PDB file of N, CA and C in Angstrom:
ATOM      1  N   MET A   1      50.327-139.196 -83.645  1.00  0.00           N
ATOM      2  CA  MET A   1      48.909-138.893 -83.593  1.00  0.00           C
ATOM      3  C   MET A   1      48.524-138.362 -82.223  1.00  0.00           C
ATOM      4  N   LEU A   2      49.269-138.761 -81.197  1.00  0.00           N
ATOM      5  CA  LEU A   2      48.961-138.245 -79.869  1.00  0.00           C
ATOM      6  C   LEU A   2      49.176-136.739 -79.807  1.00  0.00           C
ATOM      7  N   SER A   3      50.242-136.255 -80.431  1.00  0.00           N
ATOM      8  CA  SER A   3      50.557-134.827 -80.374  1.00  0.00           C
ATOM      9  C   SER A   3      49.648-133.990 -81.247  1.00  0.00           C
ATOM     10  N   TYR A   4      49.305-134.489 -82.425  1.00  0.00           N
ATOM     11  CA  TYR A   4      48.588-133.666 -83.387  1.00  0.00           C
ATOM     12  C   TYR A   4      47.112-134.035 -83.541  1.00  0.00           C
ATOM     13  N   GLY A   5      46.711-135.207 -83.096  1.00  0.00           N
ATOM     14  CA  GLY A   5      45.331-135.626 -83.302  1.00  0.00           C
ATOM     15  C   GLY A   5      44.392-135.294 -82.164  1.00  0.00           C
ATOM     16  N   HIS A   6      44.880-135.339 -80.927  1.00  0.00           N
ATOM     17  CA  HIS A   6      44.003-135.115 -79.783  1.00  0.00           C
ATOM     18  C   HIS A   6      43.613-133.648 -79.691  1.00  0.00           C
ATOM     19  N   ASN A   7      42.323-133.397 -79.666  1.00  0.00           N
ATOM     20  CA  ASN A   7      41.763-132.038 -79.617  1.00  0.00           C
ATOM     21  C   ASN A   7      42.229-131.176 -80.793  1.00  0.00           C
ATOM     22  N   GLY A   8      42.602-131.789 -81.876  1.00  0.00           N
ATOM     23  CA  GLY A   8      43.028-131.055 -83.055  1.00  0.00           C
ATOM     24  C   GLY A   8      42.320-131.590 -84.284  1.00  0.00           C
ATOM     25  N   ALA A   9      42.580-130.959 -85.404  1.00  0.00           N
ATOM     26  CA  ALA A   9      41.976-131.376 -86.666  1.00  0.00           C
ATOM     27  C   ALA A   9      42.824-132.478 -87.296  1.00  0.00           C
ATOM     28  N   ILE A  10      42.150-133.431 -87.911  1.00  0.00           N
ATOM     29  CA  ILE A  10      42.797-134.480 -88.691  1.00  0.00           C
ATOM     30  C   ILE A  10      42.162-134.458 -90.075  1.00  0.00           C
ATOM     31  N   SER A  11      43.004-134.599 -91.072  1.00  0.00           N
ATOM     32  CA  SER A  11      42.531-134.612 -92.452  1.00  0.00           C
ATOM     33  C   SER A  11      42.788-135.996 -93.050  1.00  0.00           C
ATOM     34  N   MET A  12      41.801-136.511 -93.781  1.00  0.00           N
ATOM     35  CA  MET A  12      41.969-137.786 -94.470  1.00  0.00           C
ATOM     36  C   MET A  12      41.617-137.586 -95.933  1.00  0.00           C
ATOM     37  N   ASP A  13      42.496-138.064 -96.804  1.00  0.00           N
ATOM     38  CA  ASP A  13      42.238-137.940 -98.233  1.00  0.00           C
ATOM     39  C   ASP A  13      42.801-139.155 -98.936  1.00  0.00           C
ATOM     40  N   ALA A  14      42.307-139.401-100.136  1.00  0.00           N
ATOM     41  CA  ALA A  14      42.756-140.547-100.929  1.00  0.00           C
ATOM     42  C   ALA A  14      43.035-140.111-102.354  1.00  0.00           C
ATOM     43  N   THR A  15      43.978-140.802-102.966  1.00  0.00           N
ATOM     44  CA  THR A  15      44.214-140.596-104.391  1.00  0.00           C
ATOM     45  C   THR A  15      43.171-141.390-105.157  1.00  0.00           C
ATOM     46  N   PHE A  16      42.903-140.995-106.354  1.00  0.00           N
ATOM     47  CA  PHE A  16      41.941-141.723-107.177  1.00  0.00           C
ATOM     48  C   PHE A  16      42.405-141.681-108.624  1.00  0.00           C
ATOM     49  N   GLY A  17      42.677-142.867-109.180  1.00  0.00           N
ATOM     50  CA  GLY A  17      43.039-142.958-110.588  1.00  0.00           C
ATOM     51  C   GLY A  17      44.332-142.272-110.962  1.00  0.00           C
ATOM     52  N   THR A  18      45.312-142.250-110.055  1.00  0.00           N
ATOM     53  CA  THR A  18      46.551-141.551-110.356  1.00  0.00           C
ATOM     54  C   THR A  18      47.691-142.479-110.755  1.00  0.00           C
ATOM     55  N   ASN A  19      47.434-143.787-110.800  1.00  0.00           N
ATOM     56  CA  ASN A  19      48.496-144.691-111.212  1.00  0.00           C
ATOM     57  C   ASN A  19      47.909-145.817-112.061  1.00  0.00           C
ATOM     58  N   ASP A  20      48.776-146.457-112.825  1.00  0.00           N
ATOM     59  CA  ASP A  20      48.341-147.512-113.747  1.00  0.00           C
ATOM     60  C   ASP A  20      47.910-148.792-113.043  1.00  0.00           C
ATOM     61  N   MET A  21      48.374-149.014-111.823  1.00  0.00           N
ATOM     62  CA  MET A  21      48.066-150.267-111.133  1.00  0.00           C
ATOM     63  C   MET A  21      46.779-150.198-110.319  1.00  0.00           C
ATOM     64  N   LYS A  22      46.102-149.073-110.345  1.00  0.00           N
ATOM     65  CA  LYS A  22      44.801-148.894-109.683  1.00  0.00           C
ATOM     66  C   LYS A  22      44.876-149.007-108.163  1.00  0.00           C
ATOM     67  N   PHE A  23      46.024-148.688-107.568  1.00  0.00           N
ATOM     68  CA  PHE A  23      46.130-148.674-106.119  1.00  0.00           C
ATOM     69  C   PHE A  23      45.677-147.320-105.592  1.00  0.00           C
ATOM     70  N   HIS A  24      45.176-147.308-104.376  1.00  0.00           N
ATOM     71  CA  HIS A  24      44.723-146.088-103.723  1.00  0.00           C
ATOM     72  C   HIS A  24      45.660-145.784-102.559  1.00  0.00           C
ATOM     73  N   LEU A  25      45.986-144.529-102.377  1.00  0.00           N
ATOM     74  CA  LEU A  25      46.798-144.079-101.258  1.00  0.00           C
ATOM     75  C   LEU A  25      45.917-143.222-100.365  1.00  0.00           C
ATOM     76  N   PHE A  26      45.710-143.667 -99.130  1.00  0.00           N
ATOM     77  CA  PHE A  26      44.977-142.903 -98.127  1.00  0.00           C
ATOM     78  C   PHE A  26      45.980-142.306 -97.156  1.00  0.00           C
ATOM     79  N   THR A  27      45.828-141.049 -96.823  1.00  0.00           N
ATOM     80  CA  THR A  27      46.707-140.388 -95.859  1.00  0.00           C
ATOM     81  C   THR A  27      45.887-139.751 -94.749  1.00  0.00           C
ATOM     82  N   LEU A  28      46.444-139.775 -93.555  1.00  0.00           N
ATOM     83  CA  LEU A  28      45.908-139.035 -92.410  1.00  0.00           C
ATOM     84  C   LEU A  28      46.939-137.974 -92.064  1.00  0.00           C
ATOM     85  N   MET A  29      46.482-136.734 -91.944  1.00  0.00           N
ATOM     86  CA  MET A  29      47.380-135.642 -91.589  1.00  0.00           C
ATOM     87  C   MET A  29      46.828-134.873 -90.400  1.00  0.00           C
ATOM     88  N   GLY A  30      47.719-134.508 -89.502  1.00  0.00           N
ATOM     89  CA  GLY A  30      47.391-133.615 -88.407  1.00  0.00           C
ATOM     90  C   GLY A  30      48.023-132.268 -88.707  1.00  0.00           C
ATOM     91  N   PHE A  31      47.844-131.324 -87.810  1.00  0.00           N
ATOM     92  CA  PHE A  31      48.358-129.978 -88.028  1.00  0.00           C
ATOM     93  C   PHE A  31      49.087-129.507 -86.775  1.00  0.00           C
ATOM     94  N   ASP A  32      50.276-128.930 -86.967  1.00  0.00           N
ATOM     95  CA  ASP A  32      51.042-128.437 -85.836  1.00  0.00           C
ATOM     96  C   ASP A  32      50.569-127.034 -85.445  1.00  0.00           C
ATOM     97  N   ASP A  33      51.304-126.397 -84.543  1.00  0.00           N
ATOM     98  CA  ASP A  33      50.924-125.067 -84.048  1.00  0.00           C
ATOM     99  C   ASP A  33      50.955-123.994 -85.129  1.00  0.00           C
ATOM    100  N   HIS A  34      51.697-124.240 -86.211  1.00  0.00           N
ATOM    101  CA  HIS A  34      51.801-123.274 -87.304  1.00  0.00           C
ATOM    102  C   HIS A  34      50.857-123.626 -88.455  1.00  0.00           C
ATOM    103  N   ARG A  35      49.936-124.556 -88.211  1.00  0.00           N
ATOM    104  CA  ARG A  35      48.963-125.021 -89.210  1.00  0.00           C
ATOM    105  C   ARG A  35      49.638-125.703 -90.406  1.00  0.00           C
ATOM    106  N   THR A  36      50.791-126.295 -90.145  1.00  0.00           N
ATOM    107  CA  THR A  36      51.492-127.054 -91.167  1.00  0.00           C
ATOM    108  C   THR A  36      51.069-128.512 -91.052  1.00  0.00           C
ATOM    109  N   GLY A  37      50.785-129.142 -92.181  1.00  0.00           N
ATOM    110  CA  GLY A  37      50.360-130.529 -92.172  1.00  0.00           C
ATOM    111  C   GLY A  37      51.484-131.466 -91.768  1.00  0.00           C
ATOM    112  N   VAL A  38      51.160-132.448 -90.924  1.00  0.00           N
ATOM    113  CA  VAL A  38      52.106-133.459 -90.457  1.00  0.00           C
ATOM    114  C   VAL A  38      51.510-134.818 -90.781  1.00  0.00           C
ATOM    115  N   LEU A  39      52.241-135.634 -91.554  1.00  0.00           N
ATOM    116  CA  LEU A  39      51.748-136.954 -91.915  1.00  0.00           C
ATOM    117  C   LEU A  39      51.681-137.830 -90.673  1.00  0.00           C
ATOM    118  N   LEU A  40      50.503-138.397 -90.405  1.00  0.00           N
ATOM    119  CA  LEU A  40      50.309-139.252 -89.243  1.00  0.00           C
ATOM    120  C   LEU A  40      50.292-140.723 -89.616  1.00  0.00           C
ATOM    121  N   ALA A  41      49.668-141.057 -90.737  1.00  0.00           N
ATOM    122  CA  ALA A  41      49.561-142.461 -91.144  1.00  0.00           C
ATOM    123  C   ALA A  41      49.188-142.512 -92.617  1.00  0.00           C
ATOM    124  N   LEU A  42      49.487-143.647 -93.244  1.00  0.00           N
ATOM    125  CA  LEU A  42      49.068-143.845 -94.622  1.00  0.00           C
ATOM    126  C   LEU A  42      48.866-145.321 -94.887  1.00  0.00           C
ATOM    127  N   ILE A  43      48.094-145.603 -95.929  1.00  0.00           N
ATOM    128  CA  ILE A  43      47.871-146.974 -96.362  1.00  0.00           C
ATOM    129  C   ILE A  43      47.790-146.979 -97.883  1.00  0.00           C
ATOM    130  N   ILE A  44      48.353-148.014 -98.474  1.00  0.00           N
ATOM    131  CA  ILE A  44      48.218-148.255 -99.905  1.00  0.00           C
ATOM    132  C   ILE A  44      47.374-149.516-100.040  1.00  0.00           C
ATOM    133  N   THR A  45      46.287-149.418-100.760  1.00  0.00           N
ATOM    134  CA  THR A  45      45.363-150.540-100.880  1.00  0.00           C
ATOM    135  C   THR A  45      44.860-150.661-102.314  1.00  0.00           C
ATOM    136  N   SER A  46      44.499-151.874-102.688  1.00  0.00           N
ATOM    137  CA  SER A  46      43.984-152.097-104.044  1.00  0.00           C
ATOM    138  C   SER A  46      42.478-151.863-104.115  1.00  0.00           C
ATOM    139  N   LYS A  47      41.829-151.805-102.941  1.00  0.00           N
ATOM    140  CA  LYS A  47      40.387-151.584-102.903  1.00  0.00           C
ATOM    141  C   LYS A  47      40.077-150.389-102.016  1.00  0.00           C
ATOM    142  N   GLN A  48      38.980-149.755-102.300  1.00  0.00           N
ATOM    143  CA  GLN A  48      38.560-148.585-101.526  1.00  0.00           C
ATOM    144  C   GLN A  48      37.198-148.894-100.900  1.00  0.00           C
ATOM    145  N   THR A  49      37.157-149.946-100.084  1.00  0.00           N
ATOM    146  CA  THR A  49      35.904-150.359 -99.471  1.00  0.00           C
ATOM    147  C   THR A  49      35.857-149.935 -98.009  1.00  0.00           C
ATOM    148  N   VAL A  50      34.666-149.916 -97.460  1.00  0.00           N
ATOM    149  CA  VAL A  50      34.495-149.580 -96.042  1.00  0.00           C
ATOM    150  C   VAL A  50      35.256-150.578 -95.180  1.00  0.00           C
ATOM    151  N   LYS A  51      35.195-151.859 -95.543  1.00  0.00           N
ATOM    152  CA  LYS A  51      35.882-152.907 -94.768  1.00  0.00           C
ATOM    153  C   LYS A  51      37.391-152.654 -94.726  1.00  0.00           C
ATOM    154  N   ASP A  52      37.981-152.307 -95.864  1.00  0.00           N
ATOM    155  CA  ASP A  52      39.418-152.030 -95.905  1.00  0.00           C
ATOM    156  C   ASP A  52      39.787-150.831 -95.039  1.00  0.00           C
ATOM    157  N   LEU A  53      38.977-149.796 -95.092  1.00  0.00           N
ATOM    158  CA  LEU A  53      39.256-148.610 -94.283  1.00  0.00           C
ATOM    159  C   LEU A  53      39.109-148.903 -92.790  1.00  0.00           C
ATOM    160  N   ILE A  54      38.122-149.700 -92.431  1.00  0.00           N
ATOM    161  CA  ILE A  54      37.938-150.065 -91.024  1.00  0.00           C
ATOM    162  C   ILE A  54      39.131-150.880 -90.527  1.00  0.00           C
ATOM    163  N   GLU A  55      39.630-151.808 -91.360  1.00  0.00           N
ATOM    164  CA  GLU A  55      40.785-152.629 -90.973  1.00  0.00           C
ATOM    165  C   GLU A  55      42.038-151.779 -90.771  1.00  0.00           C
ATOM    166  N   TRP A  56      42.085-150.601 -91.338  1.00  0.00           N
ATOM    167  CA  TRP A  56      43.207-149.683 -91.160  1.00  0.00           C
ATOM    168  C   TRP A  56      42.960-148.720 -90.001  1.00  0.00           C
ATOM    169  N   LEU A  57      41.763-148.171 -89.913  1.00  0.00           N
ATOM    170  CA  LEU A  57      41.470-147.148 -88.907  1.00  0.00           C
ATOM    171  C   LEU A  57      41.307-147.706 -87.497  1.00  0.00           C
ATOM    172  N   LYS A  58      40.720-148.894 -87.367  1.00  0.00           N
ATOM    173  CA  LYS A  58      40.463-149.448 -86.031  1.00  0.00           C
ATOM    174  C   LYS A  58      41.752-149.681 -85.234  1.00  0.00           C
ATOM    175  N   PRO A  59      42.790-150.319 -85.820  1.00  0.00           N
ATOM    176  CA  PRO A  59      44.035-150.467 -85.044  1.00  0.00           C
ATOM    177  C   PRO A  59      44.687-149.131 -84.683  1.00  0.00           C
ATOM    178  N   LEU A  60      44.582-148.143 -85.560  1.00  0.00           N
ATOM    179  CA  LEU A  60      45.116-146.818 -85.231  1.00  0.00           C
ATOM    180  C   LEU A  60      44.394-146.223 -84.035  1.00  0.00           C
ATOM    181  N   LYS A  61      43.071-146.306 -84.049  1.00  0.00           N
ATOM    182  CA  LYS A  61      42.284-145.780 -82.927  1.00  0.00           C
ATOM    183  C   LYS A  61      42.608-146.528 -81.639  1.00  0.00           C
ATOM    184  N   ASP A  62      42.687-147.859 -81.710  1.00  0.00           N
ATOM    185  CA  ASP A  62      42.990-148.660 -80.526  1.00  0.00           C
ATOM    186  C   ASP A  62      44.360-148.316 -79.950  1.00  0.00           C
ATOM    187  N   LYS A  63      45.333-148.073 -80.821  1.00  0.00           N
ATOM    188  CA  LYS A  63      46.676-147.700 -80.370  1.00  0.00           C
ATOM    189  C   LYS A  63      46.646-146.353 -79.651  1.00  0.00           C
ATOM    190  N   MET A  64      45.911-145.396 -80.198  1.00  0.00           N
ATOM    191  CA  MET A  64      45.818-144.092 -79.559  1.00  0.00           C
ATOM    192  C   MET A  64      45.143-144.200 -78.194  1.00  0.00           C
ATOM    193  N   LEU A  65      44.067-144.980 -78.133  1.00  0.00           N
ATOM    194  CA  LEU A  65      43.336-145.116 -76.870  1.00  0.00           C
ATOM    195  C   LEU A  65      44.142-145.876 -75.820  1.00  0.00           C
ATOM    196  N   SER A  66      45.035-146.768 -76.244  1.00  0.00           N
ATOM    197  CA  SER A  66      45.869-147.485 -75.275  1.00  0.00           C
ATOM    198  C   SER A  66      46.879-146.547 -74.611  1.00  0.00           C
ATOM    199  N   HIS A  67      47.298-145.491 -75.317  1.00  0.00           N
ATOM    200  CA  HIS A  67      48.229-144.522 -74.756  1.00  0.00           C
ATOM    201  C   HIS A  67      47.520-143.354 -74.082  1.00  0.00           C
ATOM    202  N   MET A  68      46.361-142.980 -74.604  1.00  0.00           N
ATOM    203  CA  MET A  68      45.610-141.847 -74.077  1.00  0.00           C
ATOM    204  C   MET A  68      44.123-142.202 -74.145  1.00  0.00           C
ATOM    205  N   PRO A  69      43.552-142.708 -73.042  1.00  0.00           N
ATOM    206  CA  PRO A  69      42.171-143.219 -73.074  1.00  0.00           C
ATOM    207  C   PRO A  69      41.119-142.214 -73.516  1.00  0.00           C
ATOM    208  N   HIS A  70      41.374-140.931 -73.391  1.00  0.00           N
ATOM    209  CA  HIS A  70      40.391-139.916 -73.780  1.00  0.00           C
ATOM    210  C   HIS A  70      40.731-139.269 -75.119  1.00  0.00           C
ATOM    211  N   TRP A  71      41.569-139.941 -75.937  1.00  0.00           N
ATOM    212  CA  TRP A  71      41.989-139.387 -77.227  1.00  0.00           C
ATOM    213  C   TRP A  71      40.787-139.207 -78.133  1.00  0.00           C
ATOM    214  N   LYS A  72      40.682-138.018 -78.702  1.00  0.00           N
ATOM    215  CA  LYS A  72      39.618-137.741 -79.660  1.00  0.00           C
ATOM    216  C   LYS A  72      39.966-136.480 -80.435  1.00  0.00           C
ATOM    217  N   PRO A  73      39.880-136.536 -81.765  1.00  0.00           N
ATOM    218  CA  PRO A  73      40.138-135.322 -82.544  1.00  0.00           C
ATOM    219  C   PRO A  73      38.986-134.334 -82.390  1.00  0.00           C
ATOM    220  N   SER A  74      39.285-133.051 -82.552  1.00  0.00           N
ATOM    221  CA  SER A  74      38.227-132.044 -82.449  1.00  0.00           C
ATOM    222  C   SER A  74      37.402-131.991 -83.727  1.00  0.00           C
ATOM    223  N   CYS A  75      38.030-132.269 -84.861  1.00  0.00           N
ATOM    224  CA  CYS A  75      37.284-132.332 -86.113  1.00  0.00           C
ATOM    225  C   CYS A  75      38.043-133.200 -87.109  1.00  0.00           C
ATOM    226  N   PHE A  76      37.321-133.680 -88.091  1.00  0.00           N
ATOM    227  CA  PHE A  76      37.885-134.547 -89.115  1.00  0.00           C
ATOM    228  C   PHE A  76      37.549-133.939 -90.461  1.00  0.00           C
ATOM    229  N   LEU A  77      38.562-133.642 -91.264  1.00  0.00           N
ATOM    230  CA  LEU A  77      38.375-133.013 -92.564  1.00  0.00           C
ATOM    231  C   LEU A  77      38.496-134.065 -93.657  1.00  0.00           C
ATOM    232  N   ILE A  78      37.424-134.268 -94.406  1.00  0.00           N
ATOM    233  CA  ILE A  78      37.445-135.222 -95.514  1.00  0.00           C
ATOM    234  C   ILE A  78      36.599-134.661 -96.647  1.00  0.00           C
ATOM    235  N   ASP A  79      36.722-135.292 -97.804  1.00  0.00           N
ATOM    236  CA  ASP A  79      35.826-134.925 -98.894  1.00  0.00           C
ATOM    237  C   ASP A  79      34.564-135.791 -98.767  1.00  0.00           C
ATOM    238  N   ASP A  80      33.769-135.848 -99.789  1.00  0.00           N
ATOM    239  CA  ASP A  80      32.480-136.539 -99.666  1.00  0.00           C
ATOM    240  C   ASP A  80      32.531-138.001-100.116  1.00  0.00           C
ATOM    241  N   ALA A  81      33.664-138.681 -99.952  1.00  0.00           N
ATOM    242  CA  ALA A  81      33.765-140.097-100.308  1.00  0.00           C
ATOM    243  C   ALA A  81      32.891-140.923 -99.365  1.00  0.00           C
ATOM    244  N   PRO A  82      31.883-141.619 -99.884  1.00  0.00           N
ATOM    245  CA  PRO A  82      30.959-142.344 -99.009  1.00  0.00           C
ATOM    246  C   PRO A  82      31.624-143.436 -98.188  1.00  0.00           C
ATOM    247  N   GLN A  83      32.647-144.102 -98.737  1.00  0.00           N
ATOM    248  CA  GLN A  83      33.323-145.151 -97.979  1.00  0.00           C
ATOM    249  C   GLN A  83      34.032-144.570 -96.759  1.00  0.00           C
ATOM    250  N   ALA A  84      34.694-143.446 -96.935  1.00  0.00           N
ATOM    251  CA  ALA A  84      35.402-142.813 -95.830  1.00  0.00           C
ATOM    252  C   ALA A  84      34.426-142.328 -94.765  1.00  0.00           C
ATOM    253  N   LEU A  85      33.328-141.726 -95.186  1.00  0.00           N
ATOM    254  CA  LEU A  85      32.315-141.258 -94.228  1.00  0.00           C
ATOM    255  C   LEU A  85      31.796-142.406 -93.371  1.00  0.00           C
ATOM    256  N   LYS A  86      31.450-143.510 -94.001  1.00  0.00           N
ATOM    257  CA  LYS A  86      30.887-144.644 -93.264  1.00  0.00           C
ATOM    258  C   LYS A  86      31.927-145.267 -92.332  1.00  0.00           C
ATOM    259  N   ALA A  87      33.155-145.444 -92.816  1.00  0.00           N
ATOM    260  CA  ALA A  87      34.208-146.038 -91.993  1.00  0.00           C
ATOM    261  C   ALA A  87      34.501-145.181 -90.764  1.00  0.00           C
ATOM    262  N   LEU A  88      34.575-143.876 -90.944  1.00  0.00           N
ATOM    263  CA  LEU A  88      34.841-142.994 -89.811  1.00  0.00           C
ATOM    264  C   LEU A  88      33.710-143.022 -88.796  1.00  0.00           C
ATOM    265  N   ARG A  89      32.492-143.062 -89.281  1.00  0.00           N
ATOM    266  CA  ARG A  89      31.356-143.141 -88.355  1.00  0.00           C
ATOM    267  C   ARG A  89      31.384-144.446 -87.551  1.00  0.00           C
ATOM    268  N   LEU A  90      31.735-145.539 -88.210  1.00  0.00           N
ATOM    269  CA  LEU A  90      31.739-146.850 -87.543  1.00  0.00           C
ATOM    270  C   LEU A  90      32.917-147.022 -86.585  1.00  0.00           C
ATOM    271  N   VAL A  91      34.063-146.470 -86.911  1.00  0.00           N
ATOM    272  CA  VAL A  91      35.260-146.676 -86.094  1.00  0.00           C
ATOM    273  C   VAL A  91      35.398-145.629 -85.002  1.00  0.00           C
ATOM    274  N   LEU A  92      35.232-144.375 -85.344  1.00  0.00           N
ATOM    275  CA  LEU A  92      35.478-143.292 -84.390  1.00  0.00           C
ATOM    276  C   LEU A  92      34.221-142.786 -83.711  1.00  0.00           C
ATOM    277  N   TYR A  93      33.074-143.266 -84.122  1.00  0.00           N
ATOM    278  CA  TYR A  93      31.800-142.837 -83.531  1.00  0.00           C
ATOM    279  C   TYR A  93      31.650-141.323 -83.562  1.00  0.00           C
ATOM    280  N   LEU A  94      32.024-140.734 -84.683  1.00  0.00           N
ATOM    281  CA  LEU A  94      31.945-139.289 -84.841  1.00  0.00           C
ATOM    282  C   LEU A  94      30.646-138.890 -85.516  1.00  0.00           C
ATOM    283  N   VAL A  95      30.160-137.732 -85.137  1.00  0.00           N
ATOM    284  CA  VAL A  95      29.076-137.107 -85.904  1.00  0.00           C
ATOM    285  C   VAL A  95      29.775-136.293 -86.976  1.00  0.00           C
ATOM    286  N   LEU A  96      29.543-136.629 -88.235  1.00  0.00           N
ATOM    287  CA  LEU A  96      30.237-135.955 -89.318  1.00  0.00           C
ATOM    288  C   LEU A  96      29.280-135.025 -90.042  1.00  0.00           C
ATOM    289  N   THR A  97      29.752-133.831 -90.289  1.00  0.00           N
ATOM    290  CA  THR A  97      28.999-132.843 -91.032  1.00  0.00           C
ATOM    291  C   THR A  97      29.739-132.566 -92.323  1.00  0.00           C
ATOM    292  N   LEU A  98      29.047-132.671 -93.422  1.00  0.00           N
ATOM    293  CA  LEU A  98      29.665-132.442 -94.721  1.00  0.00           C
ATOM    294  C   LEU A  98      29.442-130.987 -95.120  1.00  0.00           C
ATOM    295  N   CYS A  99      30.537-130.314 -95.415  1.00  0.00           N
ATOM    296  CA  CYS A  99      30.467-128.917 -95.870  1.00  0.00           C
ATOM    297  C   CYS A  99      30.797-128.866 -97.343  1.00  0.00           C
ATOM    298  N   LEU A 100      29.963-128.231 -98.112  1.00  0.00           N
ATOM    299  CA  LEU A 100      30.190-128.082 -99.529  1.00  0.00           C
ATOM    300  C   LEU A 100      30.449-126.630 -99.847  1.00  0.00           C
ATOM    301  N   PHE A 101      31.479-126.382-100.646  1.00  0.00           N
ATOM    302  CA  PHE A 101      31.788-125.035-101.083  1.00  0.00           C
ATOM    303  C   PHE A 101      31.470-124.941-102.545  1.00  0.00           C
ATOM    304  N   LEU A 102      30.677-123.994-102.931  1.00  0.00           N
ATOM    305  CA  LEU A 102      30.290-123.828-104.325  1.00  0.00           C
ATOM    306  C   LEU A 102      31.044-122.691-104.965  1.00  0.00           C
TER     307      LEU A 102
END
């Protein structure tokens, strides 16, 4: 995350309803110099709540800040999942703008 997240774009997405056990897979991806996605982190969880996302995102942020105190992504790409929006605002203190393509 230090190489691809600082001053770069990070993408977060989740699966929804893709397995019989109702688990959700959240992934964080950064992008290299060739705009190729690089997996940075993932979590498999049975719930998709703000609390669960915060419990995953906060330690990641703390780890990045312990190695690079000024670590901050330039932008965060997500869909309009309300839980993800709220968790990112609470953990990363980002101003998030939602873009819709019609």
